Amino acid sequence: MMFDRWRRDLIQYQKVHQNKYNQWLHYFAFLFAFVAWIFLLINIYVTIVFALLHYVLSWIGHFHFEKNKPASFKYPWLGFYAGFSWFFIRSFEILLRKKLLPKE
C-alpha cells in the first residue's frame, strides 16, 4: 500500500516535470539540496547557499519552462520526497545508462 502511494506520487511528480530543461534544472537543484543536507552539520552558510540554489533552479524550471507552480507551494512533503526519489532514480539511470522510470 505504501509502495503504491509512492509510485502514484512519483508518476504525478513526473507529469509536472515534462520539459527537458526543467528536468535538468531539477536534477541539479536536487543535487544542490543533497549537498545542503550533507553540509547541515558542517557549515550552515554553505547549507543555506545550496538550499537557495535548489529553490532558484526549481522555480525557474517551473515558472519559465513548465508554466506551472511548484508542488512545494501546496504540498511540501510531496515535493520533497518525490523529488528526491526522482533524483536518486535518475542518478542511477545516468550511471547505469538504463531507463528505470516509465515515461508517463
PDB file of N, CA and C in Angstrom:
ATOM      1  N   MET A   1       0.826  -1.198   0.000  1.00  0.00           N
ATOM      2  CA  MET A   1       0.000   0.000   0.000  1.00  0.00           C
ATOM      3  C   MET A   1       0.872   1.264   0.000  1.00  0.00           C
ATOM      4  N   MET A   2       1.923   1.263   0.817  1.00  0.00           N
ATOM      5  CA  MET A   2       2.805   2.419   0.856  1.00  0.00           C
ATOM      6  C   MET A   2       3.575   2.552  -0.464  1.00  0.00           C
ATOM      7  N   PHE A   3       3.965   1.413  -1.041  1.00  0.00           N
ATOM      8  CA  PHE A   3       4.657   1.436  -2.326  1.00  0.00           C
ATOM      9  C   PHE A   3       3.741   1.997  -3.416  1.00  0.00           C
ATOM     10  N   ASP A   4       2.458   1.645  -3.383  1.00  0.00           N
ATOM     11  CA  ASP A   4       1.505   2.164  -4.376  1.00  0.00           C
ATOM     12  C   ASP A   4       1.400   3.683  -4.271  1.00  0.00           C
ATOM     13  N   ARG A   5       1.361   4.185  -3.059  1.00  0.00           N
ATOM     14  CA  ARG A   5       1.273   5.641  -2.846  1.00  0.00           C
ATOM     15  C   ARG A   5       2.537   6.322  -3.382  1.00  0.00           C
ATOM     16  N   TRP A   6       3.707   5.743  -3.064  1.00  0.00           N
ATOM     17  CA  TRP A   6       4.981   6.304  -3.528  1.00  0.00           C
ATOM     18  C   TRP A   6       5.027   6.309  -5.053  1.00  0.00           C
ATOM     19  N   ARG A   7       4.610   5.208  -5.660  1.00  0.00           N
ATOM     20  CA  ARG A   7       4.616   5.104  -7.131  1.00  0.00           C
ATOM     21  C   ARG A   7       3.669   6.135  -7.753  1.00  0.00           C
ATOM     22  N   ARG A   8       2.483   6.267  -7.179  1.00  0.00           N
ATOM     23  CA  ARG A   8       1.498   7.235  -7.671  1.00  0.00           C
ATOM     24  C   ARG A   8       2.031   8.666  -7.549  1.00  0.00           C
ATOM     25  N   ASP A   9       2.668   8.970  -6.430  1.00  0.00           N
ATOM     26  CA  ASP A   9       3.232  10.309  -6.240  1.00  0.00           C
ATOM     27  C   ASP A   9       4.387  10.575  -7.194  1.00  0.00           C
ATOM     28  N   LEU A  10       5.199   9.565  -7.435  1.00  0.00           N
ATOM     29  CA  LEU A  10       6.318   9.714  -8.362  1.00  0.00           C
ATOM     30  C   LEU A  10       5.818   9.935  -9.794  1.00  0.00           C
ATOM     31  N   ILE A  11       4.770   9.237 -10.179  1.00  0.00           N
ATOM     32  CA  ILE A  11       4.162   9.444 -11.503  1.00  0.00           C
ATOM     33  C   ILE A  11       3.607  10.858 -11.611  1.00  0.00           C
ATOM     34  N   GLN A  12       2.929  11.308 -10.556  1.00  0.00           N
ATOM     35  CA  GLN A  12       2.400  12.673 -10.552  1.00  0.00           C
ATOM     36  C   GLN A  12       3.535  13.694 -10.647  1.00  0.00           C
ATOM     37  N   TYR A  13       4.624  13.434  -9.940  1.00  0.00           N
ATOM     38  CA  TYR A  13       5.792  14.315  -9.983  1.00  0.00           C
ATOM     39  C   TYR A  13       6.321  14.424 -11.411  1.00  0.00           C
ATOM     40  N   GLN A  14       6.410  13.293 -12.090  1.00  0.00           N
ATOM     41  CA  GLN A  14       6.922  13.292 -13.459  1.00  0.00           C
ATOM     42  C   GLN A  14       6.000  14.051 -14.416  1.00  0.00           C
ATOM     43  N   LYS A  15       4.706  14.003 -14.164  1.00  0.00           N
ATOM     44  CA  LYS A  15       3.747  14.672 -15.049  1.00  0.00           C
ATOM     45  C   LYS A  15       3.922  16.183 -15.058  1.00  0.00           C
ATOM     46  N   VAL A  16       4.362  16.753 -13.938  1.00  0.00           N
ATOM     47  CA  VAL A  16       4.537  18.210 -13.893  1.00  0.00           C
ATOM     48  C   VAL A  16       5.982  18.616 -14.153  1.00  0.00           C
ATOM     49  N   HIS A  17       6.777  17.655 -14.618  1.00  0.00           N
ATOM     50  CA  HIS A  17       8.176  17.911 -14.973  1.00  0.00           C
ATOM     51  C   HIS A  17       8.467  17.294 -16.342  1.00  0.00           C
ATOM     52  N   GLN A  18       7.734  17.702 -17.349  1.00  0.00           N
ATOM     53  CA  GLN A  18       7.856  17.131 -18.688  1.00  0.00           C
ATOM     54  C   GLN A  18       8.932  17.791 -19.532  1.00  0.00           C
ATOM     55  N   ASN A  19       9.163  19.070 -19.327  1.00  0.00           N
ATOM     56  CA  ASN A  19      10.115  19.808 -20.141  1.00  0.00           C
ATOM     57  C   ASN A  19      11.544  19.365 -19.817  1.00  0.00           C
ATOM     58  N   LYS A  20      12.333  19.074 -20.857  1.00  0.00           N
ATOM     59  CA  LYS A  20      13.681  18.545 -20.621  1.00  0.00           C
ATOM     60  C   LYS A  20      14.586  19.550 -19.916  1.00  0.00           C
ATOM     61  N   TYR A  21      14.396  20.840 -20.178  1.00  0.00           N
ATOM     62  CA  TYR A  21      15.207  21.852 -19.493  1.00  0.00           C
ATOM     63  C   TYR A  21      14.826  21.943 -18.023  1.00  0.00           C
ATOM     64  N   ASN A  22      13.537  21.815 -17.740  1.00  0.00           N
ATOM     65  CA  ASN A  22      13.081  21.789 -16.355  1.00  0.00           C
ATOM     66  C   ASN A  22      13.630  20.562 -15.636  1.00  0.00           C
ATOM     67  N   GLN A  23      13.677  19.433 -16.321  1.00  0.00           N
ATOM     68  CA  GLN A  23      14.218  18.220 -15.710  1.00  0.00           C
ATOM     69  C   GLN A  23      15.690  18.401 -15.362  1.00  0.00           C
ATOM     70  N   TRP A  24      16.454  18.993 -16.265  1.00  0.00           N
ATOM     71  CA  TRP A  24      17.869  19.233 -15.972  1.00  0.00           C
ATOM     72  C   TRP A  24      18.039  20.211 -14.818  1.00  0.00           C
ATOM     73  N   LEU A  25      17.250  21.276 -14.817  1.00  0.00           N
ATOM     74  CA  LEU A  25      17.310  22.228 -13.706  1.00  0.00           C
ATOM     75  C   LEU A  25      16.967  21.544 -12.385  1.00  0.00           C
ATOM     76  N   HIS A  26      15.957  20.687 -12.405  1.00  0.00           N
ATOM     77  CA  HIS A  26      15.572  19.978 -11.189  1.00  0.00           C
ATOM     78  C   HIS A  26      16.631  18.964 -10.764  1.00  0.00           C
ATOM     79  N   TYR A  27      17.268  18.344 -11.729  1.00  0.00           N
ATOM     80  CA  TYR A  27      18.314  17.398 -11.359  1.00  0.00           C
ATOM     81  C   TYR A  27      19.419  18.114 -10.577  1.00  0.00           C
ATOM     82  N   PHE A  28      19.888  19.245 -11.104  1.00  0.00           N
ATOM     83  CA  PHE A  28      20.929  19.995 -10.397  1.00  0.00           C
ATOM     84  C   PHE A  28      20.400  20.631  -9.122  1.00  0.00           C
ATOM     85  N   ALA A  29      19.132  21.037  -9.125  1.00  0.00           N
ATOM     86  CA  ALA A  29      18.540  21.592  -7.911  1.00  0.00           C
ATOM     87  C   ALA A  29      18.558  20.559  -6.783  1.00  0.00           C
ATOM     88  N   PHE A  30      18.196  19.318  -7.095  1.00  0.00           N
ATOM     89  CA  PHE A  30      18.199  18.286  -6.055  1.00  0.00           C
ATOM     90  C   PHE A  30      19.612  17.831  -5.714  1.00  0.00           C
ATOM     91  N   LEU A  31      20.528  17.945  -6.647  1.00  0.00           N
ATOM     92  CA  LEU A  31      21.931  17.702  -6.321  1.00  0.00           C
ATOM     93  C   LEU A  31      22.397  18.733  -5.293  1.00  0.00           C
ATOM     94  N   PHE A  32      22.050  20.000  -5.507  1.00  0.00           N
ATOM     95  CA  PHE A  32      22.398  21.048  -4.546  1.00  0.00           C
ATOM     96  C   PHE A  32      21.704  20.824  -3.209  1.00  0.00           C
ATOM     97  N   ALA A  33      20.455  20.380  -3.237  1.00  0.00           N
ATOM     98  CA  ALA A  33      19.732  20.104  -1.993  1.00  0.00           C
ATOM     99  C   ALA A  33      20.399  18.967  -1.229  1.00  0.00           C
ATOM    100  N   PHE A  34      20.844  17.949  -1.960  1.00  0.00           N
ATOM    101  CA  PHE A  34      21.533  16.827  -1.327  1.00  0.00           C
ATOM    102  C   PHE A  34      22.828  17.301  -0.662  1.00  0.00           C
ATOM    103  N   VAL A  35      23.576  18.135  -1.357  1.00  0.00           N
ATOM    104  CA  VAL A  35      24.808  18.699  -0.785  1.00  0.00           C
ATOM    105  C   VAL A  35      24.469  19.561   0.433  1.00  0.00           C
ATOM    106  N   ALA A  36      23.377  20.305   0.363  1.00  0.00           N
ATOM    107  CA  ALA A  36      22.958  21.124   1.510  1.00  0.00           C
ATOM    108  C   ALA A  36      22.706  20.254   2.738  1.00  0.00           C
ATOM    109  N   TRP A  37      22.044  19.116   2.554  1.00  0.00           N
ATOM    110  CA  TRP A  37      21.804  18.197   3.676  1.00  0.00           C
ATOM    111  C   TRP A  37      23.116  17.682   4.246  1.00  0.00           C
ATOM    112  N   ILE A  38      24.073  17.402   3.395  1.00  0.00           N
ATOM    113  CA  ILE A  38      25.377  16.922   3.863  1.00  0.00           C
ATOM    114  C   ILE A  38      26.068  17.991   4.718  1.00  0.00           C
ATOM    115  N   PHE A  39      25.974  19.239   4.278  1.00  0.00           N
ATOM    116  CA  PHE A  39      26.637  20.328   4.984  1.00  0.00           C
ATOM    117  C   PHE A  39      25.846  20.851   6.183  1.00  0.00           C
ATOM    118  N   LEU A  40      24.677  20.329   6.424  1.00  0.00           N
ATOM    119  CA  LEU A  40      23.821  20.836   7.501  1.00  0.00           C
ATOM    120  C   LEU A  40      24.548  20.891   8.842  1.00  0.00           C
ATOM    121  N   LEU A  41      25.318  19.894   9.162  1.00  0.00           N
ATOM    122  CA  LEU A  41      26.030  19.865  10.442  1.00  0.00           C
ATOM    123  C   LEU A  41      27.472  20.351  10.344  1.00  0.00           C
ATOM    124  N   ILE A  42      27.905  20.704   9.137  1.00  0.00           N
ATOM    125  CA  ILE A  42      29.290  21.134   8.938  1.00  0.00           C
ATOM    126  C   ILE A  42      29.385  22.652   8.845  1.00  0.00           C
ATOM    127  N   ASN A  43      28.549  23.247   7.991  1.00  0.00           N
ATOM    128  CA  ASN A  43      28.608  24.693   7.776  1.00  0.00           C
ATOM    129  C   ASN A  43      27.229  25.189   7.358  1.00  0.00           C
ATOM    130  N   ILE A  44      26.571  25.897   8.233  1.00  0.00           N
ATOM    131  CA  ILE A  44      25.201  26.353   7.982  1.00  0.00           C
ATOM    132  C   ILE A  44      25.126  27.329   6.806  1.00  0.00           C
ATOM    133  N   TYR A  45      26.184  28.106   6.589  1.00  0.00           N
ATOM    134  CA  TYR A  45      26.171  29.069   5.487  1.00  0.00           C
ATOM    135  C   TYR A  45      26.208  28.359   4.130  1.00  0.00           C
ATOM    136  N   VAL A  46      26.996  27.329   4.024  1.00  0.00           N
ATOM    137  CA  VAL A  46      27.029  26.525   2.795  1.00  0.00           C
ATOM    138  C   VAL A  46      25.666  25.864   2.586  1.00  0.00           C
ATOM    139  N   THR A  47      25.085  25.380   3.669  1.00  0.00           N
ATOM    140  CA  THR A  47      23.747  24.775   3.596  1.00  0.00           C
ATOM    141  C   THR A  47      22.733  25.764   3.041  1.00  0.00           C
ATOM    142  N   ILE A  48      22.761  26.970   3.542  1.00  0.00           N
ATOM    143  CA  ILE A  48      21.803  28.000   3.102  1.00  0.00           C
ATOM    144  C   ILE A  48      22.001  28.334   1.627  1.00  0.00           C
ATOM    145  N   VAL A  49      23.253  28.485   1.209  1.00  0.00           N
ATOM    146  CA  VAL A  49      23.538  28.810  -0.201  1.00  0.00           C
ATOM    147  C   VAL A  49      23.022  27.701  -1.116  1.00  0.00           C
ATOM    148  N   PHE A  50      23.331  26.445  -0.787  1.00  0.00           N
ATOM    149  CA  PHE A  50      22.872  25.341  -1.632  1.00  0.00           C
ATOM    150  C   PHE A  50      21.354  25.187  -1.594  1.00  0.00           C
ATOM    151  N   ALA A  51      20.743  25.424  -0.452  1.00  0.00           N
ATOM    152  CA  ALA A  51      19.279  25.360  -0.357  1.00  0.00           C
ATOM    153  C   ALA A  51      18.639  26.442  -1.233  1.00  0.00           C
ATOM    154  N   LEU A  52      19.195  27.642  -1.193  1.00  0.00           N
ATOM    155  CA  LEU A  52      18.677  28.718  -2.046  1.00  0.00           C
ATOM    156  C   LEU A  52      18.853  28.397  -3.527  1.00  0.00           C
ATOM    157  N   LEU A  53      20.021  27.854  -3.886  1.00  0.00           N
ATOM    158  CA  LEU A  53      20.235  27.445  -5.283  1.00  0.00           C
ATOM    159  C   LEU A  53      19.207  26.397  -5.706  1.00  0.00           C
ATOM    160  N   HIS A  54      18.901  25.490  -4.809  1.00  0.00           N
ATOM    161  CA  HIS A  54      17.889  24.463  -5.093  1.00  0.00           C
ATOM    162  C   HIS A  54      16.559  25.118  -5.481  1.00  0.00           C
ATOM    163  N   TYR A  55      16.103  26.044  -4.651  1.00  0.00           N
ATOM    164  CA  TYR A  55      14.813  26.679  -4.926  1.00  0.00           C
ATOM    165  C   TYR A  55      14.849  27.563  -6.169  1.00  0.00           C
ATOM    166  N   VAL A  56      15.914  28.288  -6.362  1.00  0.00           N
ATOM    167  CA  VAL A  56      16.012  29.157  -7.547  1.00  0.00           C
ATOM    168  C   VAL A  56      15.927  28.325  -8.828  1.00  0.00           C
ATOM    169  N   LEU A  57      16.722  27.263  -8.908  1.00  0.00           N
ATOM    170  CA  LEU A  57      16.690  26.425 -10.118  1.00  0.00           C
ATOM    171  C   LEU A  57      15.328  25.763 -10.308  1.00  0.00           C
ATOM    172  N   SER A  58      14.750  25.252  -9.235  1.00  0.00           N
ATOM    173  CA  SER A  58      13.441  24.598  -9.334  1.00  0.00           C
ATOM    174  C   SER A  58      12.368  25.577  -9.795  1.00  0.00           C
ATOM    175  N   TRP A  59      12.360  26.753  -9.217  1.00  0.00           N
ATOM    176  CA  TRP A  59      11.334  27.722  -9.570  1.00  0.00           C
ATOM    177  C   TRP A  59      11.518  28.265 -10.979  1.00  0.00           C
ATOM    178  N   ILE A  60      12.746  28.452 -11.417  1.00  0.00           N
ATOM    179  CA  ILE A  60      12.969  28.847 -12.820  1.00  0.00           C
ATOM    180  C   ILE A  60      12.395  27.778 -13.737  1.00  0.00           C
ATOM    181  N   GLY A  61      12.656  26.525 -13.416  1.00  0.00           N
ATOM    182  CA  GLY A  61      12.124  25.427 -14.226  1.00  0.00           C
ATOM    183  C   GLY A  61      10.611  25.428 -14.301  1.00  0.00           C
ATOM    184  N   HIS A  62       9.968  25.654 -13.167  1.00  0.00           N
ATOM    185  CA  HIS A  62       8.506  25.636 -13.170  1.00  0.00           C
ATOM    186  C   HIS A  62       7.912  26.878 -13.824  1.00  0.00           C
ATOM    187  N   PHE A  63       8.347  28.039 -13.406  1.00  0.00           N
ATOM    188  CA  PHE A  63       7.725  29.268 -13.895  1.00  0.00           C
ATOM    189  C   PHE A  63       8.089  29.582 -15.343  1.00  0.00           C
ATOM    190  N   HIS A  64       9.323  29.305 -15.736  1.00  0.00           N
ATOM    191  CA  HIS A  64       9.756  29.666 -17.094  1.00  0.00           C
ATOM    192  C   HIS A  64       9.489  28.548 -18.114  1.00  0.00           C
ATOM    193  N   PHE A  65       9.821  27.323 -17.783  1.00  0.00           N
ATOM    194  CA  PHE A  65       9.728  26.241 -18.766  1.00  0.00           C
ATOM    195  C   PHE A  65       8.411  25.470 -18.703  1.00  0.00           C
ATOM    196  N   GLU A  66       7.955  25.135 -17.516  1.00  0.00           N
ATOM    197  CA  GLU A  66       6.717  24.345 -17.395  1.00  0.00           C
ATOM    198  C   GLU A  66       5.461  25.210 -17.351  1.00  0.00           C
ATOM    199  N   LYS A  67       5.620  26.451 -16.944  1.00  0.00           N
ATOM    200  CA  LYS A  67       4.479  27.368 -16.798  1.00  0.00           C
ATOM    201  C   LYS A  67       3.473  26.829 -15.772  1.00  0.00           C
ATOM    202  N   ASN A  68       4.004  26.305 -14.660  1.00  0.00           N
ATOM    203  CA  ASN A  68       3.140  25.833 -13.579  1.00  0.00           C
ATOM    204  C   ASN A  68       3.774  26.184 -12.241  1.00  0.00           C
ATOM    205  N   LYS A  69       3.048  25.906 -11.164  1.00  0.00           N
ATOM    206  CA  LYS A  69       3.555  26.198  -9.829  1.00  0.00           C
ATOM    207  C   LYS A  69       4.210  24.953  -9.241  1.00  0.00           C
ATOM    208  N   PRO A  70       5.292  25.143  -8.493  1.00  0.00           N
ATOM    209  CA  PRO A  70       5.932  24.003  -7.831  1.00  0.00           C
ATOM    210  C   PRO A  70       4.995  23.354  -6.817  1.00  0.00           C
ATOM    211  N   ALA A  71       5.084  22.040  -6.713  1.00  0.00           N
ATOM    212  CA  ALA A  71       4.261  21.302  -5.740  1.00  0.00           C
ATOM    213  C   ALA A  71       4.591  21.724  -4.316  1.00  0.00           C
ATOM    214  N   SER A  72       5.822  22.188  -4.103  1.00  0.00           N
ATOM    215  CA  SER A  72       6.233  22.562  -2.746  1.00  0.00           C
ATOM    216  C   SER A  72       5.417  23.716  -2.179  1.00  0.00           C
ATOM    217  N   PHE A  73       4.753  24.487  -3.034  1.00  0.00           N
ATOM    218  CA  PHE A  73       3.901  25.567  -2.539  1.00  0.00           C
ATOM    219  C   PHE A  73       2.698  25.005  -1.788  1.00  0.00           C
ATOM    220  N   LYS A  74       2.095  23.971  -2.353  1.00  0.00           N
ATOM    221  CA  LYS A  74       0.871  23.420  -1.779  1.00  0.00           C
ATOM    222  C   LYS A  74       1.116  22.113  -1.016  1.00  0.00           C
ATOM    223  N   TYR A  75       2.045  21.312  -1.495  1.00  0.00           N
ATOM    224  CA  TYR A  75       2.332  20.006  -0.902  1.00  0.00           C
ATOM    225  C   TYR A  75       3.836  19.855  -0.673  1.00  0.00           C
ATOM    226  N   PRO A  76       4.382  20.517   0.356  1.00  0.00           N
ATOM    227  CA  PRO A  76       5.840  20.495   0.537  1.00  0.00           C
ATOM    228  C   PRO A  76       6.407  19.088   0.747  1.00  0.00           C
ATOM    229  N   TRP A  77       5.709  18.236   1.451  1.00  0.00           N
ATOM    230  CA  TRP A  77       6.225  16.884   1.687  1.00  0.00           C
ATOM    231  C   TRP A  77       6.307  16.104   0.376  1.00  0.00           C
ATOM    232  N   LEU A  78       5.303  16.238  -0.480  1.00  0.00           N
ATOM    233  CA  LEU A  78       5.304  15.551  -1.772  1.00  0.00           C
ATOM    234  C   LEU A  78       6.476  16.027  -2.628  1.00  0.00           C
ATOM    235  N   GLY A  79       6.672  17.326  -2.705  1.00  0.00           N
ATOM    236  CA  GLY A  79       7.788  17.865  -3.477  1.00  0.00           C
ATOM    237  C   GLY A  79       9.127  17.392  -2.947  1.00  0.00           C
ATOM    238  N   PHE A  80       9.212  17.222  -1.636  1.00  0.00           N
ATOM    239  CA  PHE A  80      10.462  16.786  -1.014  1.00  0.00           C
ATOM    240  C   PHE A  80      10.763  15.317  -1.320  1.00  0.00           C
ATOM    241  N   TYR A  81       9.840  14.437  -0.949  1.00  0.00           N
ATOM    242  CA  TYR A  81      10.184  13.012  -1.081  1.00  0.00           C
ATOM    243  C   TYR A  81      10.070  12.503  -2.516  1.00  0.00           C
ATOM    244  N   ALA A  82       9.125  12.988  -3.277  1.00  0.00           N
ATOM    245  CA  ALA A  82       9.026  12.556  -4.683  1.00  0.00           C
ATOM    246  C   ALA A  82      10.188  13.131  -5.489  1.00  0.00           C
ATOM    247  N   GLY A  83      10.571  14.353  -5.186  1.00  0.00           N
ATOM    248  CA  GLY A  83      11.693  14.975  -5.878  1.00  0.00           C
ATOM    249  C   GLY A  83      13.006  14.265  -5.599  1.00  0.00           C
ATOM    250  N   PHE A  84      13.251  13.953  -4.337  1.00  0.00           N
ATOM    251  CA  PHE A  84      14.477  13.222  -4.005  1.00  0.00           C
ATOM    252  C   PHE A  84      14.440  11.804  -4.559  1.00  0.00           C
ATOM    253  N   SER A  85      13.285  11.164  -4.533  1.00  0.00           N
ATOM    254  CA  SER A  85      13.168   9.822  -5.124  1.00  0.00           C
ATOM    255  C   SER A  85      13.521   9.875  -6.603  1.00  0.00           C
ATOM    256  N   TRP A  86      12.928  10.841  -7.302  1.00  0.00           N
ATOM    257  CA  TRP A  86      13.208  11.008  -8.732  1.00  0.00           C
ATOM    258  C   TRP A  86      14.700  11.277  -8.954  1.00  0.00           C
ATOM    259  N   PHE A  87      15.308  12.143  -8.145  1.00  0.00           N
ATOM    260  CA  PHE A  87      16.722  12.480  -8.277  1.00  0.00           C
ATOM    261  C   PHE A  87      17.601  11.237  -8.143  1.00  0.00           C
ATOM    262  N   PHE A  88      17.360  10.423  -7.129  1.00  0.00           N
ATOM    263  CA  PHE A  88      18.204   9.247  -6.930  1.00  0.00           C
ATOM    264  C   PHE A  88      17.984   8.204  -8.027  1.00  0.00           C
ATOM    265  N   ILE A  89      16.744   8.011  -8.435  1.00  0.00           N
ATOM    266  CA  ILE A  89      16.472   7.075  -9.532  1.00  0.00           C
ATOM    267  C   ILE A  89      17.130   7.576 -10.811  1.00  0.00           C
ATOM    268  N   ARG A  90      16.997   8.863 -11.073  1.00  0.00           N
ATOM    269  CA  ARG A  90      17.606   9.448 -12.278  1.00  0.00           C
ATOM    270  C   ARG A  90      19.129   9.324 -12.233  1.00  0.00           C
ATOM    271  N   SER A  91      19.727   9.484 -11.054  1.00  0.00           N
ATOM    272  CA  SER A  91      21.176   9.320 -10.911  1.00  0.00           C
ATOM    273  C   SER A  91      21.595   7.897 -11.274  1.00  0.00           C
ATOM    274  N   PHE A  92      20.828   6.912 -10.810  1.00  0.00           N
ATOM    275  CA  PHE A  92      21.127   5.528 -11.176  1.00  0.00           C
ATOM    276  C   PHE A  92      20.948   5.304 -12.670  1.00  0.00           C
ATOM    277  N   GLU A  93      19.944   5.938 -13.275  1.00  0.00           N
ATOM    278  CA  GLU A  93      19.759   5.821 -14.725  1.00  0.00           C
ATOM    279  C   GLU A  93      20.982   6.357 -15.475  1.00  0.00           C
ATOM    280  N   ILE A  94      21.507   7.478 -15.018  1.00  0.00           N
ATOM    281  CA  ILE A  94      22.681   8.070 -15.665  1.00  0.00           C
ATOM    282  C   ILE A  94      23.892   7.160 -15.502  1.00  0.00           C
ATOM    283  N   LEU A  95      24.093   6.645 -14.298  1.00  0.00           N
ATOM    284  CA  LEU A  95      25.244   5.766 -14.040  1.00  0.00           C
ATOM    285  C   LEU A  95      25.147   4.439 -14.787  1.00  0.00           C
ATOM    286  N   LEU A  96      23.940   3.865 -14.828  1.00  0.00           N
ATOM    287  CA  LEU A  96      23.749   2.562 -15.461  1.00  0.00           C
ATOM    288  C   LEU A  96      23.486   2.656 -16.960  1.00  0.00           C
ATOM    289  N   ARG A  97      23.186   3.883 -17.416  1.00  0.00           N
ATOM    290  CA  ARG A  97      22.807   4.100 -18.827  1.00  0.00           C
ATOM    291  C   ARG A  97      21.626   3.207 -19.213  1.00  0.00           C
ATOM    292  N   LYS A  98      20.663   3.162 -18.305  1.00  0.00           N
ATOM    293  CA  LYS A  98      19.481   2.325 -18.494  1.00  0.00           C
ATOM    294  C   LYS A  98      18.275   3.055 -17.883  1.00  0.00           C
ATOM    295  N   LYS A  99      17.170   3.045 -18.597  1.00  0.00           N
ATOM    296  CA  LYS A  99      15.955   3.690 -18.129  1.00  0.00           C
ATOM    297  C   LYS A  99      15.297   2.834 -17.051  1.00  0.00           C
ATOM    298  N   LEU A 100      15.057   3.414 -15.878  1.00  0.00           N
ATOM    299  CA  LEU A 100      14.408   2.707 -14.781  1.00  0.00           C
ATOM    300  C   LEU A 100      12.971   3.181 -14.557  1.00  0.00           C
ATOM    301  N   LEU A 101      12.739   4.467 -14.846  1.00  0.00           N
ATOM    302  CA  LEU A 101      11.406   5.035 -14.645  1.00  0.00           C
ATOM    303  C   LEU A 101      10.592   4.923 -15.939  1.00  0.00           C
ATOM    304  N   PRO A 102       9.327   4.537 -15.808  1.00  0.00           N
ATOM    305  CA  PRO A 102       8.474   4.544 -17.008  1.00  0.00           C
ATOM    306  C   PRO A 102       8.188   5.972 -17.422  1.00  0.00           C
ATOM    307  N   LYS A 103       8.086   6.201 -18.700  1.00  0.00           N
ATOM    308  CA  LYS A 103       7.763   7.538 -19.192  1.00  0.00           C
ATOM    309  C   LYS A 103       6.260   7.716 -19.112  1.00  0.00           C
ATOM    310  N   GLU A 104       5.824   8.645 -18.298  1.00  0.00           N
ATOM    311  CA  GLU A 104       4.381   8.890 -18.105  1.00  0.00           C
ATOM    312  C   GLU A 104       3.970  10.141 -18.823  1.00  0.00           C
TER     313      GLU A 104
END
